[in-house]
Amino acid sequence: ALGTKEAREIVEAAAEKIREFKGSIYGTLDTHSKDYLSTQEGK
C-alpha cells in the first residue's frame, strides 16, 4: 500500500546486513487494526 521504488531498492542490502550482523537484533512492526481510518494517523 505504501511501497516505493526506493524501499524496494534497499531490501537486498538490508537482508545482507541482517545475515552478516554479529550481535543482537531487535525490530519494529507497524501494526494497525481494521479501524485504522478512524485513528488520528488514519485521518
PDB file of all heavy atoms in Angstrom:
ATOM      1  N   ALA A   1       0.801  -1.233   0.000  1.00  0.00           N
ATOM      2  CA  ALA A   1       0.000   0.000   0.000  1.00  0.00           C
ATOM      3  C   ALA A   1       0.833   1.282   0.000  1.00  0.00           C
ATOM      4  O   ALA A   1       0.460   2.265  -0.636  1.00  0.00           O
ATOM      5  CB  ALA A   1      -0.944   0.000   1.205  1.00  0.00           C
ATOM      6  N   LEU A   2       1.959   1.294   0.699  1.00  0.00           N
ATOM      7  CA  LEU A   2       2.807   2.488   0.786  1.00  0.00           C
ATOM      8  C   LEU A   2       4.216   2.229   0.239  1.00  0.00           C
ATOM      9  O   LEU A   2       5.159   2.945   0.574  1.00  0.00           O
ATOM     10  CB  LEU A   2       2.883   2.984   2.242  1.00  0.00           C
ATOM     11  CG  LEU A   2       1.566   3.481   2.824  1.00  0.00           C
ATOM     12  CD1 LEU A   2       1.709   3.755   4.324  1.00  0.00           C
ATOM     13  CD2 LEU A   2       1.077   4.717   2.094  1.00  0.00           C
ATOM     14  N   GLY A   3       4.350   1.207  -0.581  1.00  0.00           N
ATOM     15  CA  GLY A   3       5.651   0.845  -1.129  1.00  0.00           C
ATOM     16  C   GLY A   3       6.202   1.887  -2.082  1.00  0.00           C
ATOM     17  O   GLY A   3       5.457   2.643  -2.707  1.00  0.00           O
ATOM     18  N   THR A   4       7.521   1.910  -2.157  1.00  0.00           N
ATOM     19  CA  THR A   4       8.207   2.833  -3.077  1.00  0.00           C
ATOM     20  C   THR A   4       9.353   2.104  -3.772  1.00  0.00           C
ATOM     21  O   THR A   4       9.843   1.073  -3.288  1.00  0.00           O
ATOM     22  CB  THR A   4       8.797   4.049  -2.340  1.00  0.00           C
ATOM     23  OG1 THR A   4       9.824   3.590  -1.441  1.00  0.00           O
ATOM     24  CG2 THR A   4       7.737   4.829  -1.584  1.00  0.00           C
ATOM     25  N   LYS A   5       9.788   2.676  -4.868  1.00  0.00           N
ATOM     26  CA  LYS A   5      10.944   2.142  -5.598  1.00  0.00           C
ATOM     27  C   LYS A   5      12.174   2.152  -4.683  1.00  0.00           C
ATOM     28  O   LYS A   5      12.947   1.193  -4.650  1.00  0.00           O
ATOM     29  CB  LYS A   5      11.179   2.992  -6.848  1.00  0.00           C
ATOM     30  CG  LYS A   5      12.423   2.615  -7.642  1.00  0.00           C
ATOM     31  CD  LYS A   5      12.584   3.459  -8.894  1.00  0.00           C
ATOM     32  CE  LYS A   5      13.169   4.803  -8.680  1.00  0.00           C
ATOM     33  NZ  LYS A   5      14.557   4.952  -8.373  1.00  0.00           N
ATOM     34  N   GLU A   6      12.334   3.228  -3.933  1.00  0.00           N
ATOM     35  CA  GLU A   6      13.497   3.355  -3.043  1.00  0.00           C
ATOM     36  C   GLU A   6      13.490   2.276  -1.968  1.00  0.00           C
ATOM     37  O   GLU A   6      14.539   1.724  -1.619  1.00  0.00           O
ATOM     38  CB  GLU A   6      13.536   4.748  -2.405  1.00  0.00           C
ATOM     39  CG  GLU A   6      13.817   5.878  -3.372  1.00  0.00           C
ATOM     40  CD  GLU A   6      12.596   6.344  -4.172  1.00  0.00           C
ATOM     41  OE1 GLU A   6      11.460   5.899  -3.889  1.00  0.00           O
ATOM     42  OE2 GLU A   6      12.786   7.163  -5.087  1.00  0.00           O
ATOM     43  N   ALA A   7      12.322   1.964  -1.434  1.00  0.00           N
ATOM     44  CA  ALA A   7      12.220   0.903  -0.422  1.00  0.00           C
ATOM     45  C   ALA A   7      12.587  -0.449  -1.037  1.00  0.00           C
ATOM     46  O   ALA A   7      13.338  -1.227  -0.433  1.00  0.00           O
ATOM     47  CB  ALA A   7      10.812   0.871   0.170  1.00  0.00           C
ATOM     48  N   ARG A   8      12.073  -0.726  -2.217  1.00  0.00           N
ATOM     49  CA  ARG A   8      12.389  -1.995  -2.886  1.00  0.00           C
ATOM     50  C   ARG A   8      13.889  -2.109  -3.147  1.00  0.00           C
ATOM     51  O   ARG A   8      14.460  -3.196  -3.060  1.00  0.00           O
ATOM     52  CB  ARG A   8      11.599  -2.136  -4.185  1.00  0.00           C
ATOM     53  CG  ARG A   8      10.119  -2.394  -3.951  1.00  0.00           C
ATOM     54  CD  ARG A   8       9.348  -2.687  -5.219  1.00  0.00           C
ATOM     55  NE  ARG A   8       9.253  -1.557  -6.132  1.00  0.00           N
ATOM     56  CZ  ARG A   8       8.356  -0.566  -6.031  1.00  0.00           C
ATOM     57  NH1 ARG A   8       7.477  -0.553  -5.052  1.00  0.00           N
ATOM     58  NH2 ARG A   8       8.344   0.409  -6.927  1.00  0.00           N
ATOM     59  N   GLU A   9      14.519  -0.982  -3.436  1.00  0.00           N
ATOM     60  CA  GLU A   9      15.947  -0.994  -3.768  1.00  0.00           C
ATOM     61  C   GLU A   9      16.854  -1.321  -2.582  1.00  0.00           C
ATOM     62  O   GLU A   9      17.991  -1.742  -2.793  1.00  0.00           O
ATOM     63  CB  GLU A   9      16.352   0.348  -4.383  1.00  0.00           C
ATOM     64  CG  GLU A   9      15.796   0.540  -5.775  1.00  0.00           C
ATOM     65  CD  GLU A   9      16.059   1.927  -6.343  1.00  0.00           C
ATOM     66  OE1 GLU A   9      16.514   2.833  -5.603  1.00  0.00           O
ATOM     67  OE2 GLU A   9      15.799   2.108  -7.554  1.00  0.00           O
ATOM     68  N   ILE A  10      16.395  -1.148  -1.347  1.00  0.00           N
ATOM     69  CA  ILE A  10      17.267  -1.428  -0.195  1.00  0.00           C
ATOM     70  C   ILE A  10      17.090  -2.827   0.373  1.00  0.00           C
ATOM     71  O   ILE A  10      17.868  -3.250   1.229  1.00  0.00           O
ATOM     72  CB  ILE A  10      17.086  -0.386   0.936  1.00  0.00           C
ATOM     73  CG1 ILE A  10      15.736  -0.540   1.635  1.00  0.00           C
ATOM     74  CG2 ILE A  10      17.344   1.024   0.434  1.00  0.00           C
ATOM     75  CD1 ILE A  10      15.663   0.128   2.987  1.00  0.00           C
ATOM     76  N   VAL A  11      16.081  -3.564  -0.073  1.00  0.00           N
ATOM     77  CA  VAL A  11      15.757  -4.857   0.547  1.00  0.00           C
ATOM     78  C   VAL A  11      16.934  -5.821   0.515  1.00  0.00           C
ATOM     79  O   VAL A  11      17.293  -6.416   1.543  1.00  0.00           O
ATOM     80  CB  VAL A  11      14.501  -5.490  -0.091  1.00  0.00           C
ATOM     81  CG1 VAL A  11      14.299  -6.916   0.396  1.00  0.00           C
ATOM     82  CG2 VAL A  11      13.277  -4.649   0.211  1.00  0.00           C
ATOM     83  N   GLU A  12      17.550  -6.000  -0.637  1.00  0.00           N
ATOM     84  CA  GLU A  12      18.638  -6.973  -0.757  1.00  0.00           C
ATOM     85  C   GLU A  12      19.809  -6.625   0.164  1.00  0.00           C
ATOM     86  O   GLU A  12      20.328  -7.483   0.885  1.00  0.00           O
ATOM     87  CB  GLU A  12      19.110  -7.047  -2.207  1.00  0.00           C
ATOM     88  CG  GLU A  12      20.141  -8.127  -2.453  1.00  0.00           C
ATOM     89  CD  GLU A  12      20.545  -8.229  -3.921  1.00  0.00           C
ATOM     90  OE1 GLU A  12      19.708  -7.959  -4.798  1.00  0.00           O
ATOM     91  OE2 GLU A  12      21.711  -8.574  -4.169  1.00  0.00           O
ATOM     92  N   ALA A  13      20.207  -5.367   0.175  1.00  0.00           N
ATOM     93  CA  ALA A  13      21.325  -4.951   1.024  1.00  0.00           C
ATOM     94  C   ALA A  13      20.955  -5.021   2.508  1.00  0.00           C
ATOM     95  O   ALA A  13      21.789  -5.384   3.345  1.00  0.00           O
ATOM     96  CB  ALA A  13      21.778  -3.541   0.649  1.00  0.00           C
ATOM     97  N   ALA A  14      19.715  -4.678   2.843  1.00  0.00           N
ATOM     98  CA  ALA A  14      19.276  -4.785   4.244  1.00  0.00           C
ATOM     99  C   ALA A  14      19.279  -6.236   4.689  1.00  0.00           C
ATOM    100  O   ALA A  14      19.705  -6.555   5.813  1.00  0.00           O
ATOM    101  CB  ALA A  14      17.888  -4.170   4.404  1.00  0.00           C
ATOM    102  N   ALA A  15      18.821  -7.127   3.836  1.00  0.00           N
ATOM    103  CA  ALA A  15      18.830  -8.561   4.161  1.00  0.00           C
ATOM    104  C   ALA A  15      20.259  -9.047   4.380  1.00  0.00           C
ATOM    105  O   ALA A  15      20.528  -9.819   5.315  1.00  0.00           O
ATOM    106  CB  ALA A  15      18.141  -9.350   3.057  1.00  0.00           C
ATOM    107  N   GLU A  16      21.180  -8.582   3.559  1.00  0.00           N
ATOM    108  CA  GLU A  16      22.582  -8.976   3.716  1.00  0.00           C
ATOM    109  C   GLU A  16      23.148  -8.463   5.040  1.00  0.00           C
ATOM    110  O   GLU A  16      23.888  -9.169   5.725  1.00  0.00           O
ATOM    111  CB  GLU A  16      23.414  -8.470   2.535  1.00  0.00           C
ATOM    112  CG  GLU A  16      24.788  -9.063   2.453  1.00  0.00           C
ATOM    113  CD  GLU A  16      24.787 -10.589   2.334  1.00  0.00           C
ATOM    114  OE1 GLU A  16      23.842 -11.186   1.786  1.00  0.00           O
ATOM    115  OE2 GLU A  16      25.774 -11.194   2.811  1.00  0.00           O
ATOM    116  N   LYS A  17      22.803  -7.229   5.418  1.00  0.00           N
ATOM    117  CA  LYS A  17      23.251  -6.672   6.708  1.00  0.00           C
ATOM    118  C   LYS A  17      22.763  -7.559   7.851  1.00  0.00           C
ATOM    119  O   LYS A  17      23.518  -7.855   8.787  1.00  0.00           O
ATOM    120  CB  LYS A  17      22.714  -5.242   6.855  1.00  0.00           C
ATOM    121  CG  LYS A  17      22.990  -4.597   8.203  1.00  0.00           C
ATOM    122  CD  LYS A  17      24.428  -4.193   8.338  1.00  0.00           C
ATOM    123  CE  LYS A  17      24.648  -3.410   9.618  1.00  0.00           C
ATOM    124  NZ  LYS A  17      26.058  -3.152   9.852  1.00  0.00           N
ATOM    125  N   ILE A  18      21.506  -7.980   7.798  1.00  0.00           N
ATOM    126  CA  ILE A  18      20.943  -8.849   8.832  1.00  0.00           C
ATOM    127  C   ILE A  18      21.688 -10.177   8.868  1.00  0.00           C
ATOM    128  O   ILE A  18      22.067 -10.654   9.943  1.00  0.00           O
ATOM    129  CB  ILE A  18      19.430  -9.062   8.589  1.00  0.00           C
ATOM    130  CG1 ILE A  18      18.678  -7.744   8.803  1.00  0.00           C
ATOM    131  CG2 ILE A  18      18.875 -10.176   9.477  1.00  0.00           C
ATOM    132  CD1 ILE A  18      17.252  -7.732   8.266  1.00  0.00           C
ATOM    133  N   ARG A  19      21.902 -10.786   7.717  1.00  0.00           N
ATOM    134  CA  ARG A  19      22.595 -12.086   7.649  1.00  0.00           C
ATOM    135  C   ARG A  19      23.988 -12.014   8.271  1.00  0.00           C
ATOM    136  O   ARG A  19      24.415 -12.943   8.950  1.00  0.00           O
ATOM    137  CB  ARG A  19      22.745 -12.541   6.197  1.00  0.00           C
ATOM    138  CG  ARG A  19      21.588 -13.260   5.648  1.00  0.00           C
ATOM    139  CD  ARG A  19      21.904 -13.837   4.254  1.00  0.00           C
ATOM    140  NE  ARG A  19      20.654 -14.090   3.601  1.00  0.00           N
ATOM    141  CZ  ARG A  19      20.003 -13.228   2.822  1.00  0.00           C
ATOM    142  NH1 ARG A  19      20.513 -12.038   2.564  1.00  0.00           N
ATOM    143  NH2 ARG A  19      18.849 -13.550   2.291  1.00  0.00           N
ATOM    144  N   GLU A  20      24.702 -10.922   8.004  1.00  0.00           N
ATOM    145  CA  GLU A  20      26.108 -10.812   8.419  1.00  0.00           C
ATOM    146  C   GLU A  20      26.280 -10.208   9.813  1.00  0.00           C
ATOM    147  O   GLU A  20      27.400 -10.195  10.327  1.00  0.00           O
ATOM    148  CB  GLU A  20      26.870  -9.970   7.399  1.00  0.00           C
ATOM    149  CG  GLU A  20      26.961 -10.629   6.043  1.00  0.00           C
ATOM    150  CD  GLU A  20      27.668  -9.764   5.013  1.00  0.00           C
ATOM    151  OE1 GLU A  20      28.051  -8.613   5.325  1.00  0.00           O
ATOM    152  OE2 GLU A  20      27.834 -10.240   3.872  1.00  0.00           O
ATOM    153  N   PHE A  21      25.209  -9.713  10.420  1.00  0.00           N
ATOM    154  CA  PHE A  21      25.339  -8.984  11.683  1.00  0.00           C
ATOM    155  C   PHE A  21      25.787  -9.908  12.805  1.00  0.00           C
ATOM    156  O   PHE A  21      25.312 -11.037  12.935  1.00  0.00           O
ATOM    157  CB  PHE A  21      24.017  -8.303  12.056  1.00  0.00           C
ATOM    158  CG  PHE A  21      24.167  -7.322  13.175  1.00  0.00           C
ATOM    159  CD1 PHE A  21      24.761  -6.103  12.951  1.00  0.00           C
ATOM    160  CD2 PHE A  21      23.759  -7.639  14.457  1.00  0.00           C
ATOM    161  CE1 PHE A  21      24.945  -5.187  13.989  1.00  0.00           C
ATOM    162  CE2 PHE A  21      23.923  -6.751  15.502  1.00  0.00           C
ATOM    163  CZ  PHE A  21      24.518  -5.520  15.260  1.00  0.00           C
ATOM    164  N   LYS A  22      26.691  -9.402  13.620  1.00  0.00           N
ATOM    165  CA  LYS A  22      27.171 -10.117  14.806  1.00  0.00           C
ATOM    166  C   LYS A  22      26.737  -9.325  16.020  1.00  0.00           C
ATOM    167  O   LYS A  22      27.211  -8.234  16.261  1.00  0.00           O
ATOM    168  CB  LYS A  22      28.699 -10.248  14.790  1.00  0.00           C
ATOM    169  CG  LYS A  22      29.270 -10.865  13.535  1.00  0.00           C
ATOM    170  CD  LYS A  22      28.933 -12.326  13.417  1.00  0.00           C
ATOM    171  CE  LYS A  22      29.664 -12.936  12.238  1.00  0.00           C
ATOM    172  NZ  LYS A  22      28.803 -13.644  11.329  1.00  0.00           N
ATOM    173  N   GLY A  23      25.801  -9.848  16.762  1.00  0.00           N
ATOM    174  CA  GLY A  23      25.278  -9.152  17.933  1.00  0.00           C
ATOM    175  C   GLY A  23      23.833  -9.529  18.146  1.00  0.00           C
ATOM    176  O   GLY A  23      23.426 -10.662  17.873  1.00  0.00           O
ATOM    177  N   SER A  24      23.043  -8.589  18.625  1.00  0.00           N
ATOM    178  CA  SER A  24      21.627  -8.819  18.911  1.00  0.00           C
ATOM    179  C   SER A  24      20.772  -7.992  17.958  1.00  0.00           C
ATOM    180  O   SER A  24      21.075  -6.833  17.694  1.00  0.00           O
ATOM    181  CB  SER A  24      21.302  -8.415  20.354  1.00  0.00           C
ATOM    182  OG  SER A  24      22.054  -9.200  21.261  1.00  0.00           O
ATOM    183  N   ILE A  25      19.696  -8.605  17.468  1.00  0.00           N
ATOM    184  CA  ILE A  25      18.799  -7.931  16.537  1.00  0.00           C
ATOM    185  C   ILE A  25      17.441  -7.725  17.190  1.00  0.00           C
ATOM    186  O   ILE A  25      16.865  -8.652  17.769  1.00  0.00           O
ATOM    187  CB  ILE A  25      18.638  -8.738  15.234  1.00  0.00           C
ATOM    188  CG1 ILE A  25      19.987  -8.845  14.506  1.00  0.00           C
ATOM    189  CG2 ILE A  25      17.579  -8.092  14.333  1.00  0.00           C
ATOM    190  CD1 ILE A  25      19.946  -9.701  13.243  1.00  0.00           C
ATOM    191  N   TYR A  26      16.976  -6.495  17.097  1.00  0.00           N
ATOM    192  CA  TYR A  26      15.625  -6.123  17.520  1.00  0.00           C
ATOM    193  C   TYR A  26      14.938  -5.523  16.294  1.00  0.00           C
ATOM    194  O   TYR A  26      15.589  -5.190  15.316  1.00  0.00           O
ATOM    195  CB  TYR A  26      15.664  -5.064  18.625  1.00  0.00           C
ATOM    196  CG  TYR A  26      16.238  -5.543  19.923  1.00  0.00           C
ATOM    197  CD1 TYR A  26      17.611  -5.617  20.127  1.00  0.00           C
ATOM    198  CD2 TYR A  26      15.399  -5.911  20.980  1.00  0.00           C
ATOM    199  CE1 TYR A  26      18.142  -6.053  21.332  1.00  0.00           C
ATOM    200  CE2 TYR A  26      15.922  -6.349  22.192  1.00  0.00           C
ATOM    201  CZ  TYR A  26      17.296  -6.421  22.356  1.00  0.00           C
ATOM    202  OH  TYR A  26      17.812  -6.851  23.547  1.00  0.00           O
ATOM    203  N   GLY A  27      13.643  -5.348  16.384  1.00  0.00           N
ATOM    204  CA  GLY A  27      12.957  -4.730  15.273  1.00  0.00           C
ATOM    205  C   GLY A  27      11.610  -4.173  15.683  1.00  0.00           C
ATOM    206  O   GLY A  27      11.163  -4.363  16.822  1.00  0.00           O
ATOM    207  N   THR A  28      10.994  -3.481  14.743  1.00  0.00           N
ATOM    208  CA  THR A  28       9.653  -2.948  14.963  1.00  0.00           C
ATOM    209  C   THR A  28       8.740  -3.404  13.834  1.00  0.00           C
ATOM    210  O   THR A  28       9.187  -3.656  12.709  1.00  0.00           O
ATOM    211  CB  THR A  28       9.637  -1.409  15.026  1.00  0.00           C
ATOM    212  OG1 THR A  28      10.072  -0.879  13.765  1.00  0.00           O
ATOM    213  CG2 THR A  28      10.519  -0.887  16.145  1.00  0.00           C
ATOM    214  N   LEU A  29       7.472  -3.516  14.181  1.00  0.00           N
ATOM    215  CA  LEU A  29       6.423  -3.867  13.222  1.00  0.00           C
ATOM    216  C   LEU A  29       5.301  -2.851  13.356  1.00  0.00           C
ATOM    217  O   LEU A  29       4.629  -2.807  14.395  1.00  0.00           O
ATOM    218  CB  LEU A  29       5.878  -5.268  13.512  1.00  0.00           C
ATOM    219  CG  LEU A  29       6.834  -6.428  13.314  1.00  0.00           C
ATOM    220  CD1 LEU A  29       6.276  -7.697  13.943  1.00  0.00           C
ATOM    221  CD2 LEU A  29       7.094  -6.634  11.826  1.00  0.00           C
ATOM    222  N   ASP A  30       5.118  -2.043  12.336  1.00  0.00           N
ATOM    223  CA  ASP A  30       3.982  -1.136  12.309  1.00  0.00           C
ATOM    224  C   ASP A  30       2.737  -2.017  12.339  1.00  0.00           C
ATOM    225  O   ASP A  30       2.624  -2.953  11.542  1.00  0.00           O
ATOM    226  CB  ASP A  30       4.033  -0.296  11.034  1.00  0.00           C
ATOM    227  CG  ASP A  30       3.175   0.947  11.114  1.00  0.00           C
ATOM    228  OD1 ASP A  30       3.195   1.619  12.158  1.00  0.00           O
ATOM    229  OD2 ASP A  30       2.503   1.252  10.110  1.00  0.00           O
ATOM    230  N   THR A  31       1.838  -1.755  13.273  1.00  0.00           N
ATOM    231  CA  THR A  31       0.709  -2.662  13.489  1.00  0.00           C
ATOM    232  C   THR A  31      -0.564  -1.862  13.695  1.00  0.00           C
ATOM    233  O   THR A  31      -0.681  -1.097  14.655  1.00  0.00           O
ATOM    234  CB  THR A  31       0.965  -3.566  14.711  1.00  0.00           C
ATOM    235  OG1 THR A  31       2.203  -4.273  14.514  1.00  0.00           O
ATOM    236  CG2 THR A  31      -0.163  -4.561  14.892  1.00  0.00           C
ATOM    237  N   HIS A  32      -1.502  -2.052  12.780  1.00  0.00           N
ATOM    238  CA  HIS A  32      -2.792  -1.361  12.871  1.00  0.00           C
ATOM    239  C   HIS A  32      -3.927  -2.367  12.846  1.00  0.00           C
ATOM    240  O   HIS A  32      -3.750  -3.519  12.440  1.00  0.00           O
ATOM    241  CB  HIS A  32      -2.938  -0.364  11.718  1.00  0.00           C
ATOM    242  CG  HIS A  32      -1.855   0.674  11.710  1.00  0.00           C
ATOM    243  ND1 HIS A  32      -1.749   1.641  12.682  1.00  0.00           N
ATOM    244  CD2 HIS A  32      -0.821   0.877  10.856  1.00  0.00           C
ATOM    245  CE1 HIS A  32      -0.694   2.401  12.421  1.00  0.00           C
ATOM    246  NE2 HIS A  32      -0.106   1.957  11.325  1.00  0.00           N
ATOM    247  N   SER A  33      -5.090  -1.907  13.257  1.00  0.00           N
ATOM    248  CA  SER A  33      -6.289  -2.748  13.230  1.00  0.00           C
ATOM    249  C   SER A  33      -7.189  -2.279  12.093  1.00  0.00           C
ATOM    250  O   SER A  33      -6.916  -1.280  11.426  1.00  0.00           O
ATOM    251  CB  SER A  33      -7.011  -2.686  14.572  1.00  0.00           C
ATOM    252  OG  SER A  33      -7.414  -1.362  14.843  1.00  0.00           O
ATOM    253  N   LYS A  34      -8.249  -2.997  11.904  1.00  0.00           N
ATOM    254  CA  LYS A  34      -9.166  -2.696  10.795  1.00  0.00           C
ATOM    255  C   LYS A  34      -9.828  -1.324  10.937  1.00  0.00           C
ATOM    256  O   LYS A  34     -10.311  -0.769   9.964  1.00  0.00           O
ATOM    257  CB  LYS A  34     -10.207  -3.795  10.667  1.00  0.00           C
ATOM    258  CG  LYS A  34      -9.569  -5.113  10.242  1.00  0.00           C
ATOM    259  CD  LYS A  34     -10.584  -6.124   9.802  1.00  0.00           C
ATOM    260  CE  LYS A  34      -9.956  -7.459   9.492  1.00  0.00           C
ATOM    261  NZ  LYS A  34      -9.025  -7.478   8.399  1.00  0.00           N
ATOM    262  N   ASP A  35      -9.818  -0.731  12.146  1.00  0.00           N
ATOM    263  CA  ASP A  35     -10.392   0.607  12.341  1.00  0.00           C
ATOM    264  C   ASP A  35      -9.361   1.719  12.115  1.00  0.00           C
ATOM    265  O   ASP A  35      -9.554   2.857  12.527  1.00  0.00           O
ATOM    266  CB  ASP A  35     -11.016   0.730  13.735  1.00  0.00           C
ATOM    267  CG  ASP A  35      -9.976   0.819  14.841  1.00  0.00           C
ATOM    268  OD1 ASP A  35      -8.796   0.454  14.621  1.00  0.00           O
ATOM    269  OD2 ASP A  35     -10.349   1.247  15.947  1.00  0.00           O
ATOM    270  N   TYR A  36      -8.272   1.407  11.420  1.00  0.00           N
ATOM    271  CA  TYR A  36      -7.182   2.346  11.190  1.00  0.00           C
ATOM    272  C   TYR A  36      -7.663   3.708  10.705  1.00  0.00           C
ATOM    273  O   TYR A  36      -7.195   4.749  11.178  1.00  0.00           O
ATOM    274  CB  TYR A  36      -6.173   1.754  10.184  1.00  0.00           C
ATOM    275  CG  TYR A  36      -5.152   2.756   9.719  1.00  0.00           C
ATOM    276  CD1 TYR A  36      -4.080   3.111  10.542  1.00  0.00           C
ATOM    277  CD2 TYR A  36      -5.250   3.376   8.476  1.00  0.00           C
ATOM    278  CE1 TYR A  36      -3.146   4.044  10.131  1.00  0.00           C
ATOM    279  CE2 TYR A  36      -4.314   4.308   8.059  1.00  0.00           C
ATOM    280  CZ  TYR A  36      -3.266   4.640   8.887  1.00  0.00           C
ATOM    281  OH  TYR A  36      -2.342   5.573   8.494  1.00  0.00           O
ATOM    282  N   LEU A  37      -8.602   3.735   9.773  1.00  0.00           N
ATOM    283  CA  LEU A  37      -9.037   5.017   9.203  1.00  0.00           C
ATOM    284  C   LEU A  37      -9.715   5.928  10.225  1.00  0.00           C
ATOM    285  O   LEU A  37      -9.798   7.136   9.999  1.00  0.00           O
ATOM    286  CB  LEU A  37      -9.956   4.781   8.005  1.00  0.00           C
ATOM    287  CG  LEU A  37      -9.271   4.169   6.779  1.00  0.00           C
ATOM    288  CD1 LEU A  37     -10.285   3.869   5.690  1.00  0.00           C
ATOM    289  CD2 LEU A  37      -8.164   5.069   6.253  1.00  0.00           C
ATOM    290  N   SER A  38     -10.141   5.387  11.355  1.00  0.00           N
ATOM    291  CA  SER A  38     -10.761   6.221  12.388  1.00  0.00           C
ATOM    292  C   SER A  38      -9.745   6.736  13.407  1.00  0.00           C
ATOM    293  O   SER A  38     -10.098   7.508  14.295  1.00  0.00           O
ATOM    294  CB  SER A  38     -11.879   5.444  13.106  1.00  0.00           C
ATOM    295  OG  SER A  38     -11.317   4.398  13.879  1.00  0.00           O
ATOM    296  N   THR A  39      -8.484   6.335  13.280  1.00  0.00           N
ATOM    297  CA  THR A  39      -7.443   6.810  14.196  1.00  0.00           C
ATOM    298  C   THR A  39      -6.897   8.148  13.708  1.00  0.00           C
ATOM    299  O   THR A  39      -7.113   8.538  12.553  1.00  0.00           O
ATOM    300  CB  THR A  39      -6.287   5.793  14.281  1.00  0.00           C
ATOM    301  OG1 THR A  39      -5.611   5.738  13.014  1.00  0.00           O
ATOM    302  CG2 THR A  39      -6.782   4.405  14.677  1.00  0.00           C
ATOM    303  N   GLN A  40      -6.173   8.842  14.575  1.00  0.00           N
ATOM    304  CA  GLN A  40      -5.571  10.113  14.168  1.00  0.00           C
ATOM    305  C   GLN A  40      -4.640   9.913  12.984  1.00  0.00           C
ATOM    306  O   GLN A  40      -4.673  10.681  12.022  1.00  0.00           O
ATOM    307  CB  GLN A  40      -4.815  10.750  15.337  1.00  0.00           C
ATOM    308  CG  GLN A  40      -4.209  12.084  14.946  1.00  0.00           C
ATOM    309  CD  GLN A  40      -3.557  12.798  16.111  1.00  0.00           C
ATOM    310  OE1 GLN A  40      -3.855  12.539  17.262  1.00  0.00           O
ATOM    311  NE2 GLN A  40      -2.665  13.704  15.805  1.00  0.00           N
ATOM    312  N   GLU A  41      -3.806   8.881  13.052  1.00  0.00           N
ATOM    313  CA  GLU A  41      -2.905   8.627  11.928  1.00  0.00           C
ATOM    314  C   GLU A  41      -3.695   8.351  10.655  1.00  0.00           C
ATOM    315  O   GLU A  41      -3.362   8.855   9.578  1.00  0.00           O
ATOM    316  CB  GLU A  41      -1.974   7.449  12.224  1.00  0.00           C
ATOM    317  CG  GLU A  41      -1.011   7.165  11.091  1.00  0.00           C
ATOM    318  CD  GLU A  41      -0.096   5.979  11.335  1.00  0.00           C
ATOM    319  OE1 GLU A  41       0.293   5.718  12.492  1.00  0.00           O
ATOM    320  OE2 GLU A  41       0.245   5.317  10.339  1.00  0.00           O
ATOM    321  N   GLY A  42      -4.741   7.542  10.758  1.00  0.00           N
ATOM    322  CA  GLY A  42      -5.555   7.199   9.594  1.00  0.00           C
ATOM    323  C   GLY A  42      -6.254   8.391   8.989  1.00  0.00           C
ATOM    324  O   GLY A  42      -6.461   8.450   7.767  1.00  0.00           O
ATOM    325  N   LYS A  43      -6.611   9.352   9.809  1.00  0.00           N
ATOM    326  CA  LYS A  43      -7.240  10.565   9.294  1.00  0.00           C
ATOM    327  C   LYS A  43      -6.230  11.444   8.550  1.00  0.00           C
ATOM    328  O   LYS A  43      -6.591  12.158   7.619  1.00  0.00           O
ATOM    329  CB  LYS A  43      -7.894  11.346  10.427  1.00  0.00           C
ATOM    330  CG  LYS A  43      -9.115  10.617  10.988  1.00  0.00           C
ATOM    331  CD  LYS A  43      -9.669  11.303  12.208  1.00  0.00           C
ATOM    332  CE  LYS A  43     -10.823  10.478  12.772  1.00  0.00           C
ATOM    333  NZ  LYS A  43     -11.247  10.940  14.081  1.00  0.00           N
TER     334      LYS A  43
END
